[in-house]
PDB file of N, CA and C in Angstrom:
ATOM      1  N   MET A   1       0.525  -1.046  -0.241  1.00  0.00           N
ATOM      2  CA  MET A   1       0.009  -0.339  -0.265  1.00  0.00           C
ATOM      3  C   MET A   1       1.108   1.240   0.048  1.00  0.00           C
ATOM      4  N   LYS A   2       0.321   2.175  -0.645  1.00  0.00           N
ATOM      5  CA  LYS A   2       1.290   3.504  -0.649  1.00  0.00           C
ATOM      6  C   LYS A   2       0.888   4.418   0.852  1.00  0.00           C
ATOM      7  N   ARG A   3       1.495   5.177   1.026  1.00  0.00           N
ATOM      8  CA  ARG A   3       1.664   5.879   2.001  1.00  0.00           C
ATOM      9  C   ARG A   3       0.188   6.826   2.086  1.00  0.00           C
ATOM     10  N   GLY A   4       0.200   7.614   0.798  1.00  0.00           N
ATOM     11  CA  GLY A   4      -0.742   8.419   0.695  1.00  0.00           C
ATOM     12  C   GLY A   4      -2.249   7.733   0.853  1.00  0.00           C
ATOM     13  N   PHE A   5      -2.099   6.527   0.430  1.00  0.00           N
ATOM     14  CA  PHE A   5      -3.373   5.362   0.311  1.00  0.00           C
ATOM     15  C   PHE A   5      -3.903   5.587   2.231  1.00  0.00           C
ATOM     16  N   THR A   6      -3.094   5.095   2.718  1.00  0.00           N
ATOM     17  CA  THR A   6      -3.070   4.547   4.034  1.00  0.00           C
ATOM     18  C   THR A   6      -3.491   5.950   5.008  1.00  0.00           C
ATOM     19  N   ARG A   7      -2.721   7.096   4.926  1.00  0.00           N
ATOM     20  CA  ARG A   7      -3.097   8.352   5.107  1.00  0.00           C
ATOM     21  C   ARG A   7      -3.928   8.884   4.968  1.00  0.00           C
ATOM     22  N   ARG A   8      -4.919   8.820   3.771  1.00  0.00           N
ATOM     23  CA  ARG A   8      -5.986   9.527   3.242  1.00  0.00           C
ATOM     24  C   ARG A   8      -7.145   8.432   3.534  1.00  0.00           C
ATOM     25  N   ALA A   9      -7.156   7.138   3.555  1.00  0.00           N
ATOM     26  CA  ALA A   9      -8.099   5.888   4.340  1.00  0.00           C
ATOM     27  C   ALA A   9      -8.119   6.392   5.938  1.00  0.00           C
ATOM     28  N   ILE A  10      -7.068   6.576   6.702  1.00  0.00           N
ATOM     29  CA  ILE A  10      -7.214   6.897   8.053  1.00  0.00           C
ATOM     30  C   ILE A  10      -7.934   8.244   8.337  1.00  0.00           C
ATOM     31  N   ALA A  11      -7.693   9.251   7.465  1.00  0.00           N
ATOM     32  CA  ALA A  11      -8.209  10.923   7.432  1.00  0.00           C
ATOM     33  C   ALA A  11     -10.038  10.431   7.129  1.00  0.00           C
ATOM     34  N   ILE A  12     -10.412   9.516   6.639  1.00  0.00           N
ATOM     35  CA  ILE A  12     -11.488   9.412   5.931  1.00  0.00           C
ATOM     36  C   ILE A  12     -12.162   8.263   7.152  1.00  0.00           C
ATOM     37  N   PHE A  13     -11.282   7.628   8.051  1.00  0.00           N
ATOM     38  CA  PHE A  13     -12.035   6.881   9.088  1.00  0.00           C
ATOM     39  C   PHE A  13     -12.385   7.642   9.913  1.00  0.00           C
ATOM     40  N   ILE A  14     -11.188   8.693  10.190  1.00  0.00           N
ATOM     41  CA  ILE A  14     -11.439   9.987  11.396  1.00  0.00           C
ATOM     42  C   ILE A  14     -12.756  10.413  11.176  1.00  0.00           C
ATOM     43  N   LEU A  15     -12.921  10.991  10.052  1.00  0.00           N
ATOM     44  CA  LEU A  15     -13.876  11.815   9.580  1.00  0.00           C
ATOM     45  C   LEU A  15     -15.778  11.395   9.641  1.00  0.00           C
ATOM     46  N   LEU A  16     -15.413   9.841   8.772  1.00  0.00           N
ATOM     47  CA  LEU A  16     -16.671   9.012   9.217  1.00  0.00           C
ATOM     48  C   LEU A  16     -17.194   9.034  10.776  1.00  0.00           C
ATOM     49  N   PHE A  17     -16.124   8.151  11.532  1.00  0.00           N
ATOM     50  CA  PHE A  17     -16.338   8.237  12.838  1.00  0.00           C
ATOM     51  C   PHE A  17     -16.882   9.244  13.553  1.00  0.00           C
ATOM     52  N   ILE A  18     -16.428  10.550  13.553  1.00  0.00           N
ATOM     53  CA  ILE A  18     -16.986  11.726  14.439  1.00  0.00           C
ATOM     54  C   ILE A  18     -18.070  12.057  13.617  1.00  0.00           C
ATOM     55  N   VAL A  19     -18.374  12.300  12.384  1.00  0.00           N
ATOM     56  CA  VAL A  19     -19.641  12.620  11.685  1.00  0.00           C
ATOM     57  C   VAL A  19     -20.653  12.035  11.920  1.00  0.00           C
ATOM     58  N   LEU A  20     -20.588  10.327  12.122  1.00  0.00           N
ATOM     59  CA  LEU A  20     -21.577   9.632  12.023  1.00  0.00           C
ATOM     60  C   LEU A  20     -21.794   9.360  13.540  1.00  0.00           C
ATOM     61  N   SER A  21     -21.128   9.687  14.497  1.00  0.00           N
ATOM     62  CA  SER A  21     -21.358   9.835  15.736  1.00  0.00           C
ATOM     63  C   SER A  21     -21.917  10.910  16.080  1.00  0.00           C
ATOM     64  N   LEU A  22     -21.810  12.051  15.879  1.00  0.00           N
ATOM     65  CA  LEU A  22     -22.630  13.226  15.797  1.00  0.00           C
ATOM     66  C   LEU A  22     -23.798  13.302  15.094  1.00  0.00           C
ATOM     67  N   VAL A  23     -23.982  12.820  13.901  1.00  0.00           N
ATOM     68  CA  VAL A  23     -25.557  12.848  13.290  1.00  0.00           C
ATOM     69  C   VAL A  23     -26.082  11.997  14.081  1.00  0.00           C
ATOM     70  N   THR A  24     -25.567  10.700  14.465  1.00  0.00           N
ATOM     71  CA  THR A  24     -26.879   9.835  15.470  1.00  0.00           C
ATOM     72  C   THR A  24     -26.838   9.529  16.850  1.00  0.00           C
ATOM     73  N   LEU A  25     -26.337  10.983  17.390  1.00  0.00           N
ATOM     74  CA  LEU A  25     -26.285  11.104  18.872  1.00  0.00           C
ATOM     75  C   LEU A  25     -28.080  11.405  19.104  1.00  0.00           C
ATOM     76  N   VAL A  26     -28.210  10.378  20.073  1.00  0.00           N
ATOM     77  CA  VAL A  26     -29.578  11.154  21.065  1.00  0.00           C
ATOM     78  C   VAL A  26     -29.103  11.498  22.306  1.00  0.00           C
ATOM     79  N   PRO A  27     -29.338  12.906  22.373  1.00  0.00           N
ATOM     80  CA  PRO A  27     -28.978  13.442  23.712  1.00  0.00           C
ATOM     81  C   PRO A  27     -30.577  13.867  24.436  1.00  0.00           C
ATOM     82  N   GLY A  28     -30.568  12.893  25.597  1.00  0.00           N
ATOM     83  CA  GLY A  28     -31.888  12.767  26.420  1.00  0.00           C
ATOM     84  C   GLY A  28     -31.803  13.034  27.927  1.00  0.00           C
ATOM     85  N   SER A  29     -30.470  13.310  28.333  1.00  0.00           N
ATOM     86  CA  SER A  29     -29.966  13.343  29.648  1.00  0.00           C
ATOM     87  C   SER A  29     -30.329  14.632  30.122  1.00  0.00           C
ATOM     88  N   LYS A  30     -30.731  15.692  29.144  1.00  0.00           N
ATOM     89  CA  LYS A  30     -31.435  17.202  29.907  1.00  0.00           C
ATOM     90  C   LYS A  30     -32.762  16.985  30.183  1.00  0.00           C
ATOM     91  N   SER A  31     -33.270  15.744  29.474  1.00  0.00           N
ATOM     92  CA  SER A  31     -35.091  15.679  30.139  1.00  0.00           C
ATOM     93  C   SER A  31     -35.207  14.382  30.511  1.00  0.00           C
ATOM     94  N   ASP A  32     -34.739  14.010  31.758  1.00  0.00           N
ATOM     95  CA  ASP A  32     -34.550  12.783  32.261  1.00  0.00           C
ATOM     96  C   ASP A  32     -34.412  11.703  31.460  1.00  0.00           C
ATOM     97  N   GLY A  33     -33.510  11.557  30.269  1.00  0.00           N
ATOM     98  CA  GLY A  33     -33.095  10.271  29.265  1.00  0.00           C
ATOM     99  C   GLY A  33     -31.784  10.256  29.537  1.00  0.00           C
ATOM    100  N   ASN A  34     -31.299   9.326  28.837  1.00  0.00           N
ATOM    101  CA  ASN A  34     -30.062   8.416  28.320  1.00  0.00           C
ATOM    102  C   ASN A  34     -29.719   9.492  26.745  1.00  0.00           C
ATOM    103  N   ASP A  35     -28.033   9.634  27.248  1.00  0.00           N
ATOM    104  CA  ASP A  35     -27.185   9.887  26.106  1.00  0.00           C
ATOM    105  C   ASP A  35     -26.741   8.626  25.322  1.00  0.00           C
ATOM    106  N   LEU A  36     -26.999   8.500  23.987  1.00  0.00           N
ATOM    107  CA  LEU A  36     -26.635   7.503  23.386  1.00  0.00           C
ATOM    108  C   LEU A  36     -25.672   7.582  21.857  1.00  0.00           C
ATOM    109  N   ILE A  37     -24.574   7.105  22.319  1.00  0.00           N
ATOM    110  CA  ILE A  37     -23.614   7.576  21.070  1.00  0.00           C
ATOM    111  C   ILE A  37     -23.487   6.231  20.288  1.00  0.00           C
ATOM    112  N   GLY A  38     -23.183   6.103  19.078  1.00  0.00           N
ATOM    113  CA  GLY A  38     -22.852   5.192  18.354  1.00  0.00           C
ATOM    114  C   GLY A  38     -23.528   4.688  17.388  1.00  0.00           C
ATOM    115  N   PHE A  39     -22.632   4.238  15.846  1.00  0.00           N
ATOM    116  CA  PHE A  39     -23.491   3.647  14.620  1.00  0.00           C
ATOM    117  C   PHE A  39     -23.147   2.794  13.704  1.00  0.00           C
ATOM    118  N   PRO A  40     -23.278   1.785  13.497  1.00  0.00           N
ATOM    119  CA  PRO A  40     -24.710   1.181  13.612  1.00  0.00           C
ATOM    120  C   PRO A  40     -25.038   0.855  15.053  1.00  0.00           C
ATOM    121  N   PHE A  41     -24.155   0.577  16.364  1.00  0.00           N
ATOM    122  CA  PHE A  41     -24.418  -0.086  17.269  1.00  0.00           C
ATOM    123  C   PHE A  41     -23.857   1.211  18.570  1.00  0.00           C
ATOM    124  N   ARG A  42     -24.632   1.111  19.599  1.00  0.00           N
ATOM    125  CA  ARG A  42     -24.818   2.468  20.571  1.00  0.00           C
ATOM    126  C   ARG A  42     -23.337   1.565  21.519  1.00  0.00           C
ATOM    127  N   PHE A  43     -22.705   2.452  21.462  1.00  0.00           N
ATOM    128  CA  PHE A  43     -21.613   1.646  22.446  1.00  0.00           C
ATOM    129  C   PHE A  43     -21.254   2.518  23.660  1.00  0.00           C
ATOM    130  N   TYR A  44     -21.904   3.363  23.718  1.00  0.00           N
ATOM    131  CA  TYR A  44     -21.839   4.516  24.753  1.00  0.00           C
ATOM    132  C   TYR A  44     -23.174   4.816  25.246  1.00  0.00           C
ATOM    133  N   ILE A  45     -23.855   4.949  26.586  1.00  0.00           N
ATOM    134  CA  ILE A  45     -24.675   5.045  26.988  1.00  0.00           C
ATOM    135  C   ILE A  45     -24.532   5.879  28.386  1.00  0.00           C
ATOM    136  N   TYR A  46     -25.322   7.197  28.390  1.00  0.00           N
ATOM    137  CA  TYR A  46     -25.141   8.119  29.531  1.00  0.00           C
ATOM    138  C   TYR A  46     -26.281   8.124  30.255  1.00  0.00           C
ATOM    139  N   LEU A  47     -26.416   7.482  31.375  1.00  0.00           N
ATOM    140  CA  LEU A  47     -27.337   7.183  32.296  1.00  0.00           C
ATOM    141  C   LEU A  47     -28.083   8.783  33.043  1.00  0.00           C
ATOM    142  N   GLY A  48     -28.906   9.754  32.189  1.00  0.00           N
ATOM    143  CA  GLY A  48     -28.743  10.812  32.826  1.00  0.00           C
ATOM    144  C   GLY A  48     -30.533  11.054  33.547  1.00  0.00           C
ATOM    145  N   GLY A  49     -31.111   9.676  33.852  1.00  0.00           N
ATOM    146  CA  GLY A  49     -32.862   9.825  34.497  1.00  0.00           C
ATOM    147  C   GLY A  49     -32.300   9.667  35.605  1.00  0.00           C
ATOM    148  N   LYS A  50     -33.392   9.954  36.786  1.00  0.00           N
ATOM    149  CA  LYS A  50     -33.377   9.410  37.956  1.00  0.00           C
ATOM    150  C   LYS A  50     -33.589   8.184  38.404  1.00  0.00           C
ATOM    151  N   ILE A  51     -32.716   7.194  38.304  1.00  0.00           N
ATOM    152  CA  ILE A  51     -33.019   5.946  39.192  1.00  0.00           C
ATOM    153  C   ILE A  51     -32.564   6.010  40.401  1.00  0.00           C
ATOM    154  N   ARG A  52     -33.364   4.706  40.503  1.00  0.00           N
ATOM    155  CA  ARG A  52     -33.454   4.246  42.344  1.00  0.00           C
ATOM    156  C   ARG A  52     -33.462   2.641  42.280  1.00  0.00           C
ATOM    157  N   PRO A  53     -32.405   2.061  43.006  1.00  0.00           N
ATOM    158  CA  PRO A  53     -30.891   2.485  44.034  1.00  0.00           C
ATOM    159  C   PRO A  53     -30.232   3.506  42.476  1.00  0.00           C
ATOM    160  N   GLU A  54     -29.708   4.707  42.947  1.00  0.00           N
ATOM    161  CA  GLU A  54     -28.539   5.449  42.385  1.00  0.00           C
ATOM    162  C   GLU A  54     -27.466   4.178  42.175  1.00  0.00           C
ATOM    163  N   PRO A  55     -27.051   4.439  40.718  1.00  0.00           N
ATOM    164  CA  PRO A  55     -26.328   3.382  39.854  1.00  0.00           C
ATOM    165  C   PRO A  55     -24.728   3.712  40.339  1.00  0.00           C
ATOM    166  N   LEU A  56     -23.546   3.058  40.554  1.00  0.00           N
ATOM    167  CA  LEU A  56     -22.298   2.992  40.707  1.00  0.00           C
ATOM    168  C   LEU A  56     -21.468   3.808  39.741  1.00  0.00           C
ATOM    169  N   SER A  57     -22.127   3.972  38.452  1.00  0.00           N
ATOM    170  CA  SER A  57     -21.399   4.798  37.289  1.00  0.00           C
ATOM    171  C   SER A  57     -22.695   4.764  36.788  1.00  0.00           C
ATOM    172  N   ARG A  58     -22.457   6.476  35.769  1.00  0.00           N
ATOM    173  CA  ARG A  58     -23.713   6.911  35.332  1.00  0.00           C
ATOM    174  C   ARG A  58     -23.165   6.573  33.805  1.00  0.00           C
ATOM    175  N   PHE A  59     -22.483   5.880  33.040  1.00  0.00           N
ATOM    176  CA  PHE A  59     -22.087   6.001  32.044  1.00  0.00           C
ATOM    177  C   PHE A  59     -21.416   4.405  31.838  1.00  0.00           C
ATOM    178  N   ILE A  60     -21.912   3.856  30.588  1.00  0.00           N
ATOM    179  CA  ILE A  60     -21.705   2.552  30.444  1.00  0.00           C
ATOM    180  C   ILE A  60     -20.977   2.620  28.905  1.00  0.00           C
ATOM    181  N   ILE A  61     -19.722   1.794  28.757  1.00  0.00           N
ATOM    182  CA  ILE A  61     -19.369   1.551  27.499  1.00  0.00           C
ATOM    183  C   ILE A  61     -19.458   0.225  26.970  1.00  0.00           C
ATOM    184  N   SER A  62     -19.504   0.045  26.220  1.00  0.00           N
ATOM    185  CA  SER A  62     -19.420  -1.537  25.464  1.00  0.00           C
ATOM    186  C   SER A  62     -18.610  -1.579  24.449  1.00  0.00           C
ATOM    187  N   TYR A  63     -17.429  -2.078  25.044  1.00  0.00           N
ATOM    188  CA  TYR A  63     -16.033  -2.224  23.926  1.00  0.00           C
ATOM    189  C   TYR A  63     -16.527  -3.294  22.533  1.00  0.00           C
ATOM    190  N   PRO A  64     -16.961  -4.406  22.882  1.00  0.00           N
ATOM    191  CA  PRO A  64     -17.566  -4.999  21.773  1.00  0.00           C
ATOM    192  C   PRO A  64     -18.347  -4.414  20.833  1.00  0.00           C
ATOM    193  N   LYS A  65     -19.475  -3.239  20.898  1.00  0.00           N
ATOM    194  CA  LYS A  65     -20.110  -2.567  20.479  1.00  0.00           C
ATOM    195  C   LYS A  65     -18.831  -1.357  19.816  1.00  0.00           C
ATOM    196  N   LEU A  66     -18.226  -1.058  20.485  1.00  0.00           N
ATOM    197  CA  LEU A  66     -17.530  -0.033  19.929  1.00  0.00           C
ATOM    198  C   LEU A  66     -16.491  -0.521  18.470  1.00  0.00           C
ATOM    199  N   ILE A  67     -15.821  -1.790  19.386  1.00  0.00           N
ATOM    200  CA  ILE A  67     -15.377  -2.412  17.800  1.00  0.00           C
ATOM    201  C   ILE A  67     -15.741  -3.068  16.785  1.00  0.00           C
ATOM    202  N   PHE A  68     -17.143  -3.034  16.887  1.00  0.00           N
ATOM    203  CA  PHE A  68     -17.782  -3.546  15.472  1.00  0.00           C
ATOM    204  C   PHE A  68     -17.693  -2.135  15.078  1.00  0.00           C
ATOM    205  N   ASP A  69     -18.153  -1.091  15.638  1.00  0.00           N
ATOM    206  CA  ASP A  69     -18.416   0.328  15.034  1.00  0.00           C
ATOM    207  C   ASP A  69     -17.043   0.413  14.236  1.00  0.00           C
ATOM    208  N   LEU A  70     -15.959   0.599  14.953  1.00  0.00           N
ATOM    209  CA  LEU A  70     -14.707   0.972  14.271  1.00  0.00           C
ATOM    210  C   LEU A  70     -14.385   0.047  13.164  1.00  0.00           C
ATOM    211  N   LEU A  71     -14.704  -1.334  13.172  1.00  0.00           N
ATOM    212  CA  LEU A  71     -14.335  -2.427  12.240  1.00  0.00           C
ATOM    213  C   LEU A  71     -15.404  -1.909  11.010  1.00  0.00           C
ATOM    214  N   ILE A  72     -16.388  -1.371  11.199  1.00  0.00           N
ATOM    215  CA  ILE A  72     -17.875  -1.264  10.045  1.00  0.00           C
ATOM    216  C   ILE A  72     -16.990  -0.052   9.462  1.00  0.00           C
ATOM    217  N   ILE A  73     -16.761   1.086  10.247  1.00  0.00           N
ATOM    218  CA  ILE A  73     -16.222   2.470   9.721  1.00  0.00           C
ATOM    219  C   ILE A  73     -14.585   2.147   9.121  1.00  0.00           C
ATOM    220  N   GLY A  74     -14.108   1.362   9.295  1.00  0.00           N
ATOM    221  CA  GLY A  74     -12.726   1.059   8.940  1.00  0.00           C
ATOM    222  C   GLY A  74     -12.426   0.601   7.509  1.00  0.00           C
ATOM    223  N   ILE A  75     -14.009  -0.521   7.218  1.00  0.00           N
ATOM    224  CA  ILE A  75     -13.823  -1.177   6.037  1.00  0.00           C
ATOM    225  C   ILE A  75     -14.765  -0.423   5.294  1.00  0.00           C
ATOM    226  N   ALA A  76     -15.795   0.593   5.769  1.00  0.00           N
ATOM    227  CA  ALA A  76     -16.212   1.607   4.469  1.00  0.00           C
ATOM    228  C   ALA A  76     -14.992   2.425   4.371  1.00  0.00           C
ATOM    229  N   SER A  77     -14.397   2.905   5.096  1.00  0.00           N
ATOM    230  CA  SER A  77     -13.121   4.438   4.524  1.00  0.00           C
ATOM    231  C   SER A  77     -12.515   3.558   3.622  1.00  0.00           C
ATOM    232  N   VAL A  78     -11.952   2.290   3.630  1.00  0.00           N
ATOM    233  CA  VAL A  78     -11.042   1.886   3.073  1.00  0.00           C
ATOM    234  C   VAL A  78     -11.838   1.391   1.375  1.00  0.00           C
ATOM    235  N   CYS A  79     -12.972   1.282   1.173  1.00  0.00           N
ATOM    236  CA  CYS A  79     -13.787   0.758   0.378  1.00  0.00           C
ATOM    237  C   CYS A  79     -13.999   2.242  -0.599  1.00  0.00           C
ATOM    238  N   ILE A  80     -14.231   3.256   0.334  1.00  0.00           N
ATOM    239  CA  ILE A  80     -14.335   4.801  -0.346  1.00  0.00           C
ATOM    240  C   ILE A  80     -12.658   5.362  -0.686  1.00  0.00           C
ATOM    241  N   GLU A  81     -11.652   5.220  -0.370  1.00  0.00           N
ATOM    242  CA  GLU A  81     -10.447   5.082  -0.865  1.00  0.00           C
ATOM    243  C   GLU A  81     -10.215   4.479  -1.860  1.00  0.00           C
ATOM    244  N   MET A  82     -10.120   3.032  -1.884  1.00  0.00           N
ATOM    245  CA  MET A  82     -10.259   2.314  -3.237  1.00  0.00           C
ATOM    246  C   MET A  82     -11.244   2.951  -4.141  1.00  0.00           C
ATOM    247  N   PHE A  83     -12.475   3.629  -3.919  1.00  0.00           N
ATOM    248  CA  PHE A  83     -13.198   4.259  -5.174  1.00  0.00           C
ATOM    249  C   PHE A  83     -12.390   5.128  -5.637  1.00  0.00           C
ATOM    250  N   ILE A  84     -11.848   5.961  -4.630  1.00  0.00           N
ATOM    251  CA  ILE A  84     -10.934   7.433  -5.374  1.00  0.00           C
ATOM    252  C   ILE A  84     -10.131   6.813  -5.943  1.00  0.00           C
ATOM    253  N   GLN A  85      -9.432   6.084  -5.422  1.00  0.00           N
ATOM    254  CA  GLN A  85      -7.973   5.750  -6.318  1.00  0.00           C
ATOM    255  C   GLN A  85      -8.352   5.333  -7.408  1.00  0.00           C
ATOM    256  N   LYS A  86      -9.890   4.262  -7.881  1.00  0.00           N
ATOM    257  CA  LYS A  86     -10.113   3.618  -9.026  1.00  0.00           C
ATOM    258  C   LYS A  86     -10.384   4.583 -10.203  1.00  0.00           C
ATOM    259  N   ARG A  87     -11.283   6.133  -9.331  1.00  0.00           N
ATOM    260  CA  ARG A  87     -11.644   7.064  -9.947  1.00  0.00           C
ATOM    261  C   ARG A  87     -10.552   8.027 -10.685  1.00  0.00           C
ATOM    262  N   LYS A  88      -9.459   7.986 -10.228  1.00  0.00           N
ATOM    263  CA  LYS A  88      -8.292   9.115 -10.295  1.00  0.00           C
ATOM    264  C   LYS A  88      -7.725   8.481 -11.899  1.00  0.00           C
ATOM    265  N   ARG A  89      -7.368   6.937 -11.644  1.00  0.00           N
ATOM    266  CA  ARG A  89      -6.843   6.339 -12.756  1.00  0.00           C
ATOM    267  C   ARG A  89      -7.737   6.220 -13.950  1.00  0.00           C
ATOM    268  N   THR A  90      -9.092   6.489 -13.959  1.00  0.00           N
ATOM    269  CA  THR A  90     -10.068   6.479 -15.677  1.00  0.00           C
ATOM    270  C   THR A  90      -9.784   8.183 -15.908  1.00  0.00           C
TER     271      THR A  90
END
């Protein structure tokens, strides 16, 4: 692989991860709900509502879901980069 290919693929990966996380963010903690982050799998949950008994931690991170999200976005970024390379050749 060329160095430009991997740099651009990493840039696309980071951009996709940030944009998809922000676009699919469900902010509900201000109104007694939960904040949900992640696409297509919700890997981060902030418990913002009133809960009895009070939980030890108000946030939940699911590492397997985070890894699946990163894997899916990584595959998508490589596919996008390959499409860009193919279009440049023609």
